[in-house]
C-alpha atoms as a PDB file:
ATOM      1  CA  UNK A   1     118.867 199.294 164.098  1.00  0.00           C
ATOM      2  CA  UNK A   2     120.092 202.613 166.099  1.00  0.00           C
ATOM      3  CA  UNK A   3     122.817 199.985 167.480  1.00  0.00           C
ATOM      4  CA  UNK A   4     123.940 198.766 164.215  1.00  0.00           C
ATOM      5  CA  UNK A   5     124.118 201.935 162.133  1.00  0.00           C
ATOM      6  CA  UNK A   6     126.269 203.282 165.435  1.00  0.00           C
ATOM      7  CA  UNK A   7     128.465 200.014 165.325  1.00  0.00           C
ATOM      8  CA  UNK A   8     129.082 200.749 161.267  1.00  0.00           C
ATOM      9  CA  UNK A   9     129.719 204.069 161.800  1.00  0.00           C
ATOM     10  CA  UNK A  10     132.108 203.236 164.533  1.00  0.00           C
ATOM     11  CA  UNK A  11     134.263 200.523 162.662  1.00  0.00           C
ATOM     12  CA  UNK A  12     134.555 203.074 159.965  1.00  0.00           C
ATOM     13  CA  UNK A  13     136.226 205.863 162.067  1.00  0.00           C
ATOM     14  CA  UNK A  14     137.963 203.887 164.304  1.00  0.00           C
ATOM     15  CA  UNK A  15     141.821 203.887 164.069  1.00  0.00           C
ATOM     16  CA  UNK A  16     141.043 205.270 160.137  1.00  0.00           C
ATOM     17  CA  UNK A  17     142.810 208.290 158.782  1.00  0.00           C
ATOM     18  CA  UNK A  18     140.815 210.983 157.170  1.00  0.00           C
ATOM     19  CA  UNK A  19     141.781 214.508 155.480  1.00  0.00           C
ATOM     20  CA  UNK A  20     139.185 216.422 156.503  1.00  0.00           C
ATOM     21  CA  UNK A  21     137.439 218.987 154.214  1.00  0.00           C
ATOM     22  CA  UNK A  22     135.322 221.761 155.300  1.00  0.00           C
ATOM     23  CA  UNK A  23     131.895 221.779 153.258  1.00  0.00           C
ATOM     24  CA  UNK A  24     131.174 225.562 152.850  1.00  0.00           C
ATOM     25  CA  UNK A  25     135.069 226.463 151.668  1.00  0.00           C
ATOM     26  CA  UNK A  26     135.714 223.076 149.957  1.00  0.00           C
ATOM     27  CA  UNK A  27     139.566 222.863 149.408  1.00  0.00           C
ATOM     28  CA  UNK A  28     139.882 223.604 152.630  1.00  0.00           C
ATOM     29  CA  UNK A  29     141.527 220.613 154.905  1.00  0.00           C
ATOM     30  CA  UNK A  30     142.109 220.588 158.815  1.00  0.00           C
ATOM     31  CA  UNK A  31     145.888 220.708 159.143  1.00  0.00           C
ATOM     32  CA  UNK A  32     148.105 221.631 161.891  1.00  0.00           C
ATOM     33  CA  UNK A  33     151.644 223.088 160.884  1.00  0.00           C
ATOM     34  CA  UNK A  34     153.478 223.319 164.068  1.00  0.00           C
ATOM     35  CA  UNK A  35     153.656 222.443 167.605  1.00  0.00           C
ATOM     36  CA  UNK A  36     152.356 225.396 169.477  1.00  0.00           C
ATOM     37  CA  UNK A  37     149.039 225.118 171.174  1.00  0.00           C
ATOM     38  CA  UNK A  38     147.543 227.383 168.302  1.00  0.00           C
ATOM     39  CA  UNK A  39     149.404 225.957 165.258  1.00  0.00           C
ATOM     40  CA  UNK A  40     146.106 224.541 163.824  1.00  0.00           C
ATOM     41  CA  UNK A  41     143.511 225.445 161.257  1.00  0.00           C
ATOM     42  CA  UNK A  42     143.234 224.768 157.659  1.00  0.00           C
ATOM     43  CA  UNK A  43     145.148 224.669 154.348  1.00  0.00           C
ATOM     44  CA  UNK A  44     144.008 224.366 150.658  1.00  0.00           C
ATOM     45  CA  UNK A  45     147.108 223.821 149.065  1.00  0.00           C
ATOM     46  CA  UNK A  46     149.445 220.970 148.654  1.00  0.00           C
ATOM     47  CA  UNK A  47     148.816 217.943 150.441  1.00  0.00           C
ATOM     48  CA  UNK A  48     151.030 216.910 152.954  1.00  0.00           C
ATOM     49  CA  UNK A  49     150.865 214.515 156.382  1.00  0.00           C
ATOM     50  CA  UNK A  50     150.329 218.125 158.314  1.00  0.00           C
ATOM     51  CA  UNK A  51     146.441 217.532 156.923  1.00  0.00           C
ATOM     52  CA  UNK A  52     146.027 213.863 158.050  1.00  0.00           C
ATOM     53  CA  UNK A  53     143.981 212.687 160.987  1.00  0.00           C
ATOM     54  CA  UNK A  54     143.431 209.554 162.924  1.00  0.00           C
ATOM     55  CA  UNK A  55     140.548 209.094 165.062  1.00  0.00           C
ATOM     56  CA  UNK A  56     141.584 207.336 168.091  1.00  0.00           C
ATOM     57  CA  UNK A  57     138.811 205.674 169.990  1.00  0.00           C
ATOM     58  CA  UNK A  58     138.157 206.371 173.425  1.00  0.00           C
ATOM     59  CA  UNK A  59     138.527 202.896 175.575  1.00  0.00           C
ATOM     60  CA  UNK A  60     134.823 203.059 177.210  1.00  0.00           C
ATOM     61  CA  UNK A  61     133.100 206.357 175.689  1.00  0.00           C
ATOM     62  CA  UNK A  62     131.457 204.690 172.995  1.00  0.00           C
ATOM     63  CA  UNK A  63     131.213 207.186 169.903  1.00  0.00           C
ATOM     64  CA  UNK A  64     134.224 209.169 171.252  1.00  0.00           C
ATOM     65  CA  UNK A  65     137.439 210.153 169.308  1.00  0.00           C
ATOM     66  CA  UNK A  66     140.570 211.368 169.946  1.00  0.00           C
ATOM     67  CA  UNK A  67     141.744 213.298 166.735  1.00  0.00           C
ATOM     68  CA  UNK A  68     145.542 213.166 166.295  1.00  0.00           C
ATOM     69  CA  UNK A  69     147.676 214.679 163.740  1.00  0.00           C
ATOM     70  CA  UNK A  70     149.939 212.615 161.520  1.00  0.00           C
ATOM     71  CA  UNK A  71     152.724 214.785 161.274  1.00  0.00           C
ATOM     72  CA  UNK A  72     152.847 215.575 165.523  1.00  0.00           C
ATOM     73  CA  UNK A  73     151.277 212.270 166.495  1.00  0.00           C
ATOM     74  CA  UNK A  74     151.849 213.780 169.994  1.00  0.00           C
ATOM     75  CA  UNK A  75     149.188 216.512 169.742  1.00  0.00           C
ATOM     76  CA  UNK A  76     145.413 216.161 169.485  1.00  0.00           C
ATOM     77  CA  UNK A  77     142.715 218.944 168.651  1.00  0.00           C
ATOM     78  CA  UNK A  78     141.127 219.970 172.001  1.00  0.00           C
ATOM     79  CA  UNK A  79     138.362 222.407 173.011  1.00  0.00           C
ATOM     80  CA  UNK A  80     139.977 224.017 175.826  1.00  0.00           C
ATOM     81  CA  UNK A  81     137.787 226.483 177.690  1.00  0.00           C
ATOM     82  CA  UNK A  82     135.786 226.835 174.097  1.00  0.00           C
ATOM     83  CA  UNK A  83     139.395 227.331 172.316  1.00  0.00           C
ATOM     84  CA  UNK A  84     140.131 225.485 169.551  1.00  0.00           C
ATOM     85  CA  UNK A  85     143.833 224.397 169.880  1.00  0.00           C
ATOM     86  CA  UNK A  86     145.967 221.390 169.644  1.00  0.00           C
ATOM     87  CA  UNK A  87     147.213 220.032 173.089  1.00  0.00           C
ATOM     88  CA  UNK A  88     150.575 217.099 173.647  1.00  0.00           C
ATOM     89  CA  UNK A  89     149.990 216.727 177.449  1.00  0.00           C
ATOM     90  CA  UNK A  90     147.763 214.156 179.095  1.00  0.00           C
ATOM     91  CA  UNK A  91     144.602 212.950 177.457  1.00  0.00           C
ATOM     92  CA  UNK A  92     141.841 215.175 179.060  1.00  0.00           C
ATOM     93  CA  UNK A  93     138.153 214.908 178.414  1.00  0.00           C
ATOM     94  CA  UNK A  94     138.058 217.838 176.383  1.00  0.00           C
ATOM     95  CA  UNK A  95     140.054 216.363 173.774  1.00  0.00           C
ATOM     96  CA  UNK A  96     137.041 214.053 172.782  1.00  0.00           C
ATOM     97  CA  UNK A  97     134.766 214.712 169.925  1.00  0.00           C
ATOM     98  CA  UNK A  98     132.128 212.947 168.237  1.00  0.00           C
ATOM     99  CA  UNK A  99     131.383 212.756 164.667  1.00  0.00           C
ATOM    100  CA  UNK A 100     127.575 213.256 164.210  1.00  0.00           C
ATOM    101  CA  UNK A 101     126.669 212.031 160.349  1.00  0.00           C
ATOM    102  CA  UNK A 102     124.692 214.392 158.094  1.00  0.00           C
ATOM    103  CA  UNK A 103     123.589 214.568 154.722  1.00  0.00           C
ATOM    104  CA  UNK A 104     126.023 213.848 151.627  1.00  0.00           C
ATOM    105  CA  UNK A 105     128.228 211.930 153.482  1.00  0.00           C
ATOM    106  CA  UNK A 106     129.440 215.135 155.381  1.00  0.00           C
ATOM    107  CA  UNK A 107     129.827 215.137 159.285  1.00  0.00           C
ATOM    108  CA  UNK A 108     129.323 217.353 162.097  1.00  0.00           C
ATOM    109  CA  UNK A 109     132.369 217.301 164.579  1.00  0.00           C
ATOM    110  CA  UNK A 110     131.033 218.164 167.760  1.00  0.00           C
ATOM    111  CA  UNK A 111     132.887 218.068 171.313  1.00  0.00           C
ATOM    112  CA  UNK A 112     131.818 215.529 173.970  1.00  0.00           C
ATOM    113  CA  UNK A 113     133.129 217.862 176.574  1.00  0.00           C
ATOM    114  CA  UNK A 114     131.199 221.072 175.574  1.00  0.00           C
ATOM    115  CA  UNK A 115     128.038 219.066 173.274  1.00  0.00           C
ATOM    116  CA  UNK A 116     127.257 222.354 172.222  1.00  0.00           C
ATOM    117  CA  UNK A 117     130.496 223.277 170.581  1.00  0.00           C
ATOM    118  CA  UNK A 118     130.948 222.428 166.758  1.00  0.00           C
ATOM    119  CA  UNK A 119     134.363 222.359 165.233  1.00  0.00           C
ATOM    120  CA  UNK A 120     133.488 225.450 162.251  1.00  0.00           C
ATOM    121  CA  UNK A 121     135.403 227.080 159.267  1.00  0.00           C
ATOM    122  CA  UNK A 122     134.263 230.436 159.535  1.00  0.00           C
ATOM    123  CA  UNK A 123     136.017 232.393 157.028  1.00  0.00           C
ATOM    124  CA  UNK A 124     138.785 231.832 154.303  1.00  0.00           C
ATOM    125  CA  UNK A 125     141.848 232.208 156.411  1.00  0.00           C
ATOM    126  CA  UNK A 126     143.429 229.344 157.551  1.00  0.00           C
ATOM    127  CA  UNK A 127     143.333 230.532 161.320  1.00  0.00           C
ATOM    128  CA  UNK A 128     139.393 230.945 161.075  1.00  0.00           C
ATOM    129  CA  UNK A 129     138.384 227.708 162.545  1.00  0.00           C
ATOM    130  CA  UNK A 130     137.013 227.618 166.276  1.00  0.00           C
ATOM    131  CA  UNK A 131     134.079 226.390 168.311  1.00  0.00           C
ATOM    132  CA  UNK A 132     130.788 227.586 167.428  1.00  0.00           C
ATOM    133  CA  UNK A 133     126.975 226.409 168.451  1.00  0.00           C
ATOM    134  CA  UNK A 134     125.263 225.147 165.947  1.00  0.00           C
ATOM    135  CA  UNK A 135     123.143 228.089 164.250  1.00  0.00           C
ATOM    136  CA  UNK A 136     121.767 228.861 160.759  1.00  0.00           C
ATOM    137  CA  UNK A 137     124.315 231.466 160.340  1.00  0.00           C
ATOM    138  CA  UNK A 138     127.163 229.049 160.093  1.00  0.00           C
ATOM    139  CA  UNK A 139     125.535 226.138 158.025  1.00  0.00           C
ATOM    140  CA  UNK A 140     127.724 224.556 155.533  1.00  0.00           C
ATOM    141  CA  UNK A 141     130.933 225.572 157.491  1.00  0.00           C
ATOM    142  CA  UNK A 142     130.118 223.556 160.507  1.00  0.00           C
ATOM    143  CA  UNK A 143     129.892 220.145 157.937  1.00  0.00           C
ATOM    144  CA  UNK A 144     133.000 218.157 157.110  1.00  0.00           C
ATOM    145  CA  UNK A 145     134.039 215.834 154.632  1.00  0.00           C
ATOM    146  CA  UNK A 146     135.898 212.655 155.757  1.00  0.00           C
ATOM    147  CA  UNK A 147     138.087 211.370 152.993  1.00  0.00           C
ATOM    148  CA  UNK A 148     140.249 208.465 154.198  1.00  0.00           C
ATOM    149  CA  UNK A 149     143.976 208.062 153.414  1.00  0.00           C
ATOM    150  CA  UNK A 150     143.231 204.574 150.711  1.00  0.00           C
ATOM    151  CA  UNK A 151     140.303 203.651 149.057  1.00  0.00           C
ATOM    152  CA  UNK A 152     140.246 199.949 148.257  1.00  0.00           C
ATOM    153  CA  UNK A 153     139.922 198.667 144.474  1.00  0.00           C
ATOM    154  CA  UNK A 154     139.325 194.361 144.358  1.00  0.00           C
ATOM    155  CA  UNK A 155     141.800 193.331 141.577  1.00  0.00           C
ATOM    156  CA  UNK A 156     141.819 190.343 139.582  1.00  0.00           C
ATOM    157  CA  UNK A 157     144.763 189.951 136.803  1.00  0.00           C
ATOM    158  CA  UNK A 158     145.253 187.374 134.325  1.00  0.00           C
ATOM    159  CA  UNK A 159     149.163 186.071 135.041  1.00  0.00           C
ATOM    160  CA  UNK A 160     149.426 183.480 131.970  1.00  0.00           C
ATOM    161  CA  UNK A 161     146.658 181.857 129.515  1.00  0.00           C
ATOM    162  CA  UNK A 162     147.115 179.161 126.806  1.00  0.00           C
ATOM    163  CA  UNK A 163     144.664 177.404 125.268  1.00  0.00           C
ATOM    164  CA  UNK A 164     146.439 173.291 124.146  1.00  0.00           C
ATOM    165  CA  UNK A 165     143.015 171.990 123.453  1.00  0.00           C
ATOM    166  CA  UNK A 166     144.319 171.138 119.744  1.00  0.00           C
ATOM    167  CA  UNK A 167     147.615 170.152 121.112  1.00  0.00           C
ATOM    168  CA  UNK A 168     148.648 166.407 121.216  1.00  0.00           C
ATOM    169  CA  UNK A 169     151.568 167.338 123.892  1.00  0.00           C
ATOM    170  CA  UNK A 170     151.636 169.166 127.049  1.00  0.00           C
ATOM    171  CA  UNK A 171     153.742 172.567 127.386  1.00  0.00           C
ATOM    172  CA  UNK A 172     155.382 174.197 130.043  1.00  0.00           C
ATOM    173  CA  UNK A 173     155.799 177.773 131.260  1.00  0.00           C
ATOM    174  CA  UNK A 174     157.332 180.115 133.580  1.00  0.00           C
ATOM    175  CA  UNK A 175     156.179 182.918 135.191  1.00  0.00           C
ATOM    176  CA  UNK A 176     157.243 185.386 137.852  1.00  0.00           C
ATOM    177  CA  UNK A 177     154.719 185.809 140.921  1.00  0.00           C
ATOM    178  CA  UNK A 178     154.675 188.212 143.544  1.00  0.00           C
ATOM    179  CA  UNK A 179     152.961 188.012 146.457  1.00  0.00           C
ATOM    180  CA  UNK A 180     152.442 190.175 149.791  1.00  0.00           C
ATOM    181  CA  UNK A 181     152.268 193.973 149.756  1.00  0.00           C
ATOM    182  CA  UNK A 182     154.047 196.027 146.927  1.00  0.00           C
ATOM    183  CA  UNK A 183     154.284 199.680 146.744  1.00  0.00           C
ATOM    184  CA  UNK A 184     154.741 202.012 143.631  1.00  0.00           C
ATOM    185  CA  UNK A 185     157.061 204.369 145.605  1.00  0.00           C
ATOM    186  CA  UNK A 186     160.408 203.548 147.172  1.00  0.00           C
ATOM    187  CA  UNK A 187     159.783 206.755 149.545  1.00  0.00           C
ATOM    188  CA  UNK A 188     160.551 205.821 153.298  1.00  0.00           C
ATOM    189  CA  UNK A 189     157.059 205.476 155.521  1.00  0.00           C
ATOM    190  CA  UNK A 190     157.587 207.756 158.387  1.00  0.00           C
ATOM    191  CA  UNK A 191     155.098 206.476 160.728  1.00  0.00           C
ATOM    192  CA  UNK A 192     154.524 202.404 159.850  1.00  0.00           C
ATOM    193  CA  UNK A 193     151.664 201.686 162.307  1.00  0.00           C
ATOM    194  CA  UNK A 194     149.338 204.462 161.109  1.00  0.00           C
ATOM    195  CA  UNK A 195     150.231 203.285 157.521  1.00  0.00           C
ATOM    196  CA  UNK A 196     148.979 199.585 158.233  1.00  0.00           C
ATOM    197  CA  UNK A 197     145.974 200.953 160.195  1.00  0.00           C
ATOM    198  CA  UNK A 198     144.722 202.517 157.266  1.00  0.00           C
ATOM    199  CA  UNK A 199     145.579 200.006 154.702  1.00  0.00           C
ATOM    200  CA  UNK A 200     143.612 197.811 157.606  1.00  0.00           C
ATOM    201  CA  UNK A 201     140.638 199.947 157.795  1.00  0.00           C
ATOM    202  CA  UNK A 202     140.240 200.789 153.930  1.00  0.00           C
ATOM    203  CA  UNK A 203     140.151 196.717 153.732  1.00  0.00           C
ATOM    204  CA  UNK A 204     137.883 196.154 155.758  1.00  0.00           C
ATOM    205  CA  UNK A 205     135.151 199.131 154.448  1.00  0.00           C
ATOM    206  CA  UNK A 206     135.684 197.449 150.683  1.00  0.00           C
ATOM    207  CA  UNK A 207     134.952 194.509 152.631  1.00  0.00           C
ATOM    208  CA  UNK A 208     131.524 195.568 153.701  1.00  0.00           C
ATOM    209  CA  UNK A 209     130.698 197.947 150.777  1.00  0.00           C
ATOM    210  CA  UNK A 210     131.465 195.105 148.205  1.00  0.00           C
ATOM    211  CA  UNK A 211     130.043 192.393 150.067  1.00  0.00           C
ATOM    212  CA  UNK A 212     132.953 189.837 149.593  1.00  0.00           C
ATOM    213  CA  UNK A 213     132.375 186.349 150.344  1.00  0.00           C
ATOM    214  CA  UNK A 214     133.783 185.275 153.739  1.00  0.00           C
ATOM    215  CA  UNK A 215     136.668 182.823 152.363  1.00  0.00           C
ATOM    216  CA  UNK A 216     137.612 185.925 150.009  1.00  0.00           C
ATOM    217  CA  UNK A 217     137.998 188.404 153.005  1.00  0.00           C
ATOM    218  CA  UNK A 218     139.764 185.873 155.119  1.00  0.00           C
ATOM    219  CA  UNK A 219     142.638 185.169 152.240  1.00  0.00           C
ATOM    220  CA  UNK A 220     142.820 189.267 152.219  1.00  0.00           C
ATOM    221  CA  UNK A 221     143.267 189.768 155.767  1.00  0.00           C
ATOM    222  CA  UNK A 222     145.925 186.750 156.078  1.00  0.00           C
ATOM    223  CA  UNK A 223     147.958 187.669 153.656  1.00  0.00           C
ATOM    224  CA  UNK A 224     147.870 191.218 154.729  1.00  0.00           C
ATOM    225  CA  UNK A 225     148.732 190.134 158.121  1.00  0.00           C
ATOM    226  CA  UNK A 226     151.325 188.237 157.385  1.00  0.00           C
ATOM    227  CA  UNK A 227     153.315 190.963 155.112  1.00  0.00           C
ATOM    228  CA  UNK A 228     153.081 193.274 157.861  1.00  0.00           C
ATOM    229  CA  UNK A 229     154.568 191.043 160.299  1.00  0.00           C
ATOM    230  CA  UNK A 230     157.766 191.537 158.774  1.00  0.00           C
ATOM    231  CA  UNK A 231     159.304 194.370 160.263  1.00  0.00           C
ATOM    232  CA  UNK A 232     161.479 195.554 157.250  1.00  0.00           C
ATOM    233  CA  UNK A 233     159.407 197.289 154.532  1.00  0.00           C
ATOM    234  CA  UNK A 234     161.331 195.068 152.179  1.00  0.00           C
ATOM    235  CA  UNK A 235     160.256 191.858 153.299  1.00  0.00           C
ATOM    236  CA  UNK A 236     156.863 192.904 152.962  1.00  0.00           C
ATOM    237  CA  UNK A 237     156.610 191.058 149.575  1.00  0.00           C
ATOM    238  CA  UNK A 238     158.233 188.163 148.137  1.00  0.00           C
ATOM    239  CA  UNK A 239     158.328 187.051 144.399  1.00  0.00           C
ATOM    240  CA  UNK A 240     159.304 183.695 142.890  1.00  0.00           C
ATOM    241  CA  UNK A 241     159.214 181.468 139.766  1.00  0.00           C
ATOM    242  CA  UNK A 242     156.560 179.021 139.021  1.00  0.00           C
ATOM    243  CA  UNK A 243     156.477 176.603 136.360  1.00  0.00           C
ATOM    244  CA  UNK A 244     153.090 175.029 134.765  1.00  0.00           C
ATOM    245  CA  UNK A 245     152.315 172.723 132.689  1.00  0.00           C
ATOM    246  CA  UNK A 246     149.203 172.764 130.393  1.00  0.00           C
ATOM    247  CA  UNK A 247     148.284 168.993 129.519  1.00  0.00           C
ATOM    248  CA  UNK A 248     147.293 168.350 125.791  1.00  0.00           C
ATOM    249  CA  UNK A 249     142.984 169.141 125.176  1.00  0.00           C
ATOM    250  CA  UNK A 250     142.837 171.430 128.034  1.00  0.00           C
ATOM    251  CA  UNK A 251     142.327 175.256 128.191  1.00  0.00           C
ATOM    252  CA  UNK A 252     144.560 176.579 130.904  1.00  0.00           C
ATOM    253  CA  UNK A 253     144.558 179.973 132.960  1.00  0.00           C
ATOM    254  CA  UNK A 254     146.023 181.350 135.804  1.00  0.00           C
ATOM    255  CA  UNK A 255     144.930 184.526 137.889  1.00  0.00           C
ATOM    256  CA  UNK A 256     145.883 186.399 141.070  1.00  0.00           C
ATOM    257  CA  UNK A 257     143.336 188.306 142.997  1.00  0.00           C
ATOM    258  CA  UNK A 258     144.094 191.094 145.256  1.00  0.00           C
ATOM    259  CA  UNK A 259     143.927 194.528 146.515  1.00  0.00           C
ATOM    260  CA  UNK A 260     144.943 197.678 145.256  1.00  0.00           C
ATOM    261  CA  UNK A 261     144.841 200.678 148.269  1.00  0.00           C
ATOM    262  CA  UNK A 262     144.985 203.886 146.292  1.00  0.00           C
ATOM    263  CA  UNK A 263     146.352 206.635 148.610  1.00  0.00           C
ATOM    264  CA  UNK A 264     145.602 210.165 148.529  1.00  0.00           C
ATOM    265  CA  UNK A 265     149.539 210.908 148.736  1.00  0.00           C
ATOM    266  CA  UNK A 266     150.717 209.168 145.539  1.00  0.00           C
ATOM    267  CA  UNK A 267     153.672 207.724 147.242  1.00  0.00           C
ATOM    268  CA  UNK A 268     151.348 205.911 149.570  1.00  0.00           C
ATOM    269  CA  UNK A 269     149.844 203.135 146.659  1.00  0.00           C
ATOM    270  CA  UNK A 270     150.093 199.978 147.057  1.00  0.00           C
ATOM    271  CA  UNK A 271     148.595 196.462 146.138  1.00  0.00           C
ATOM    272  CA  UNK A 272     148.031 193.598 148.057  1.00  0.00           C
ATOM    273  CA  UNK A 273     148.727 190.322 146.009  1.00  0.00           C
ATOM    274  CA  UNK A 274     147.230 186.747 147.344  1.00  0.00           C
ATOM    275  CA  UNK A 275     147.944 183.586 145.864  1.00  0.00           C
ATOM    276  CA  UNK A 276     146.912 181.900 142.482  1.00  0.00           C
ATOM    277  CA  UNK A 277     143.805 180.715 141.313  1.00  0.00           C
ATOM    278  CA  UNK A 278     144.242 177.982 138.409  1.00  0.00           C
ATOM    279  CA  UNK A 279     141.207 177.299 135.842  1.00  0.00           C
ATOM    280  CA  UNK A 280     141.403 174.150 133.264  1.00  0.00           C
ATOM    281  CA  UNK A 281     138.500 173.814 130.814  1.00  0.00           C
ATOM    282  CA  UNK A 282     138.224 171.730 127.720  1.00  0.00           C
ATOM    283  CA  UNK A 283     135.930 174.509 126.617  1.00  0.00           C
ATOM    284  CA  UNK A 284     136.792 177.973 125.476  1.00  0.00           C
ATOM    285  CA  UNK A 285     134.957 179.031 128.912  1.00  0.00           C
ATOM    286  CA  UNK A 286     136.348 178.572 132.241  1.00  0.00           C
ATOM    287  CA  UNK A 287     134.039 177.953 135.662  1.00  0.00           C
ATOM    288  CA  UNK A 288     134.913 181.388 137.527  1.00  0.00           C
ATOM    289  CA  UNK A 289     132.909 179.976 140.387  1.00  0.00           C
ATOM    290  CA  UNK A 290     135.507 177.488 141.506  1.00  0.00           C
ATOM    291  CA  UNK A 291     137.485 180.706 142.376  1.00  0.00           C
ATOM    292  CA  UNK A 292     134.636 181.795 145.207  1.00  0.00           C
END
């Protein structure tokens, strides 16, 4: 049982990106605002990439992660002789952390090198973050909520519907169909690697939480992989015109499934659109199980 829980937690954390909110100072997010070793603490106002962190798993130390900043990707949080800093040099063990699950979705962030040291927000000021030992005095100040960069919503939209049950001849109808990844913003993605990894992690979590069928998960994963295999963002999606013929005496519907990835940063939001599903019926109802 413990092994399974550890596997589930690691799959949620590994290569995913998060905003880290303190429980006691509920609007304070862990942030790095510069490249000096002490340019790290929390911010409360204005979401920006300096507050986004990637959890990079150690290749063989199970459950241990480097905490890497999105804006300054060469920098990692470190516990340098019990001093809370960021560091851009070689990878040392004092940069490894464990995320210990707590109540209500919060985590304790524990130094893997000094196991008694926990990341603690001990005051309201931005720079009042340090390592402290587990103590009732700090309580909620040592708890952190991990908010993923993306939240996935499974969608199923109707593209075309025509009831020709009373008709005596076929009708044709042309629609424009897009597949692949489509963003809501035209702004440039600074780091495509972390963007893609975060979307993949959100899809994996949605598949687990919503208990999506294997065929559907494979469909989404294949479309995502094919879209992201294109280097140029403008090639992540394609649009084509498709003509459908509705026979007489038939009720006809075309739908398209997909996943909307809602970003914590509005410019990040995008939608994965997959293949079409065509339904025909002699009644007013359709057998939706055909699409599973």
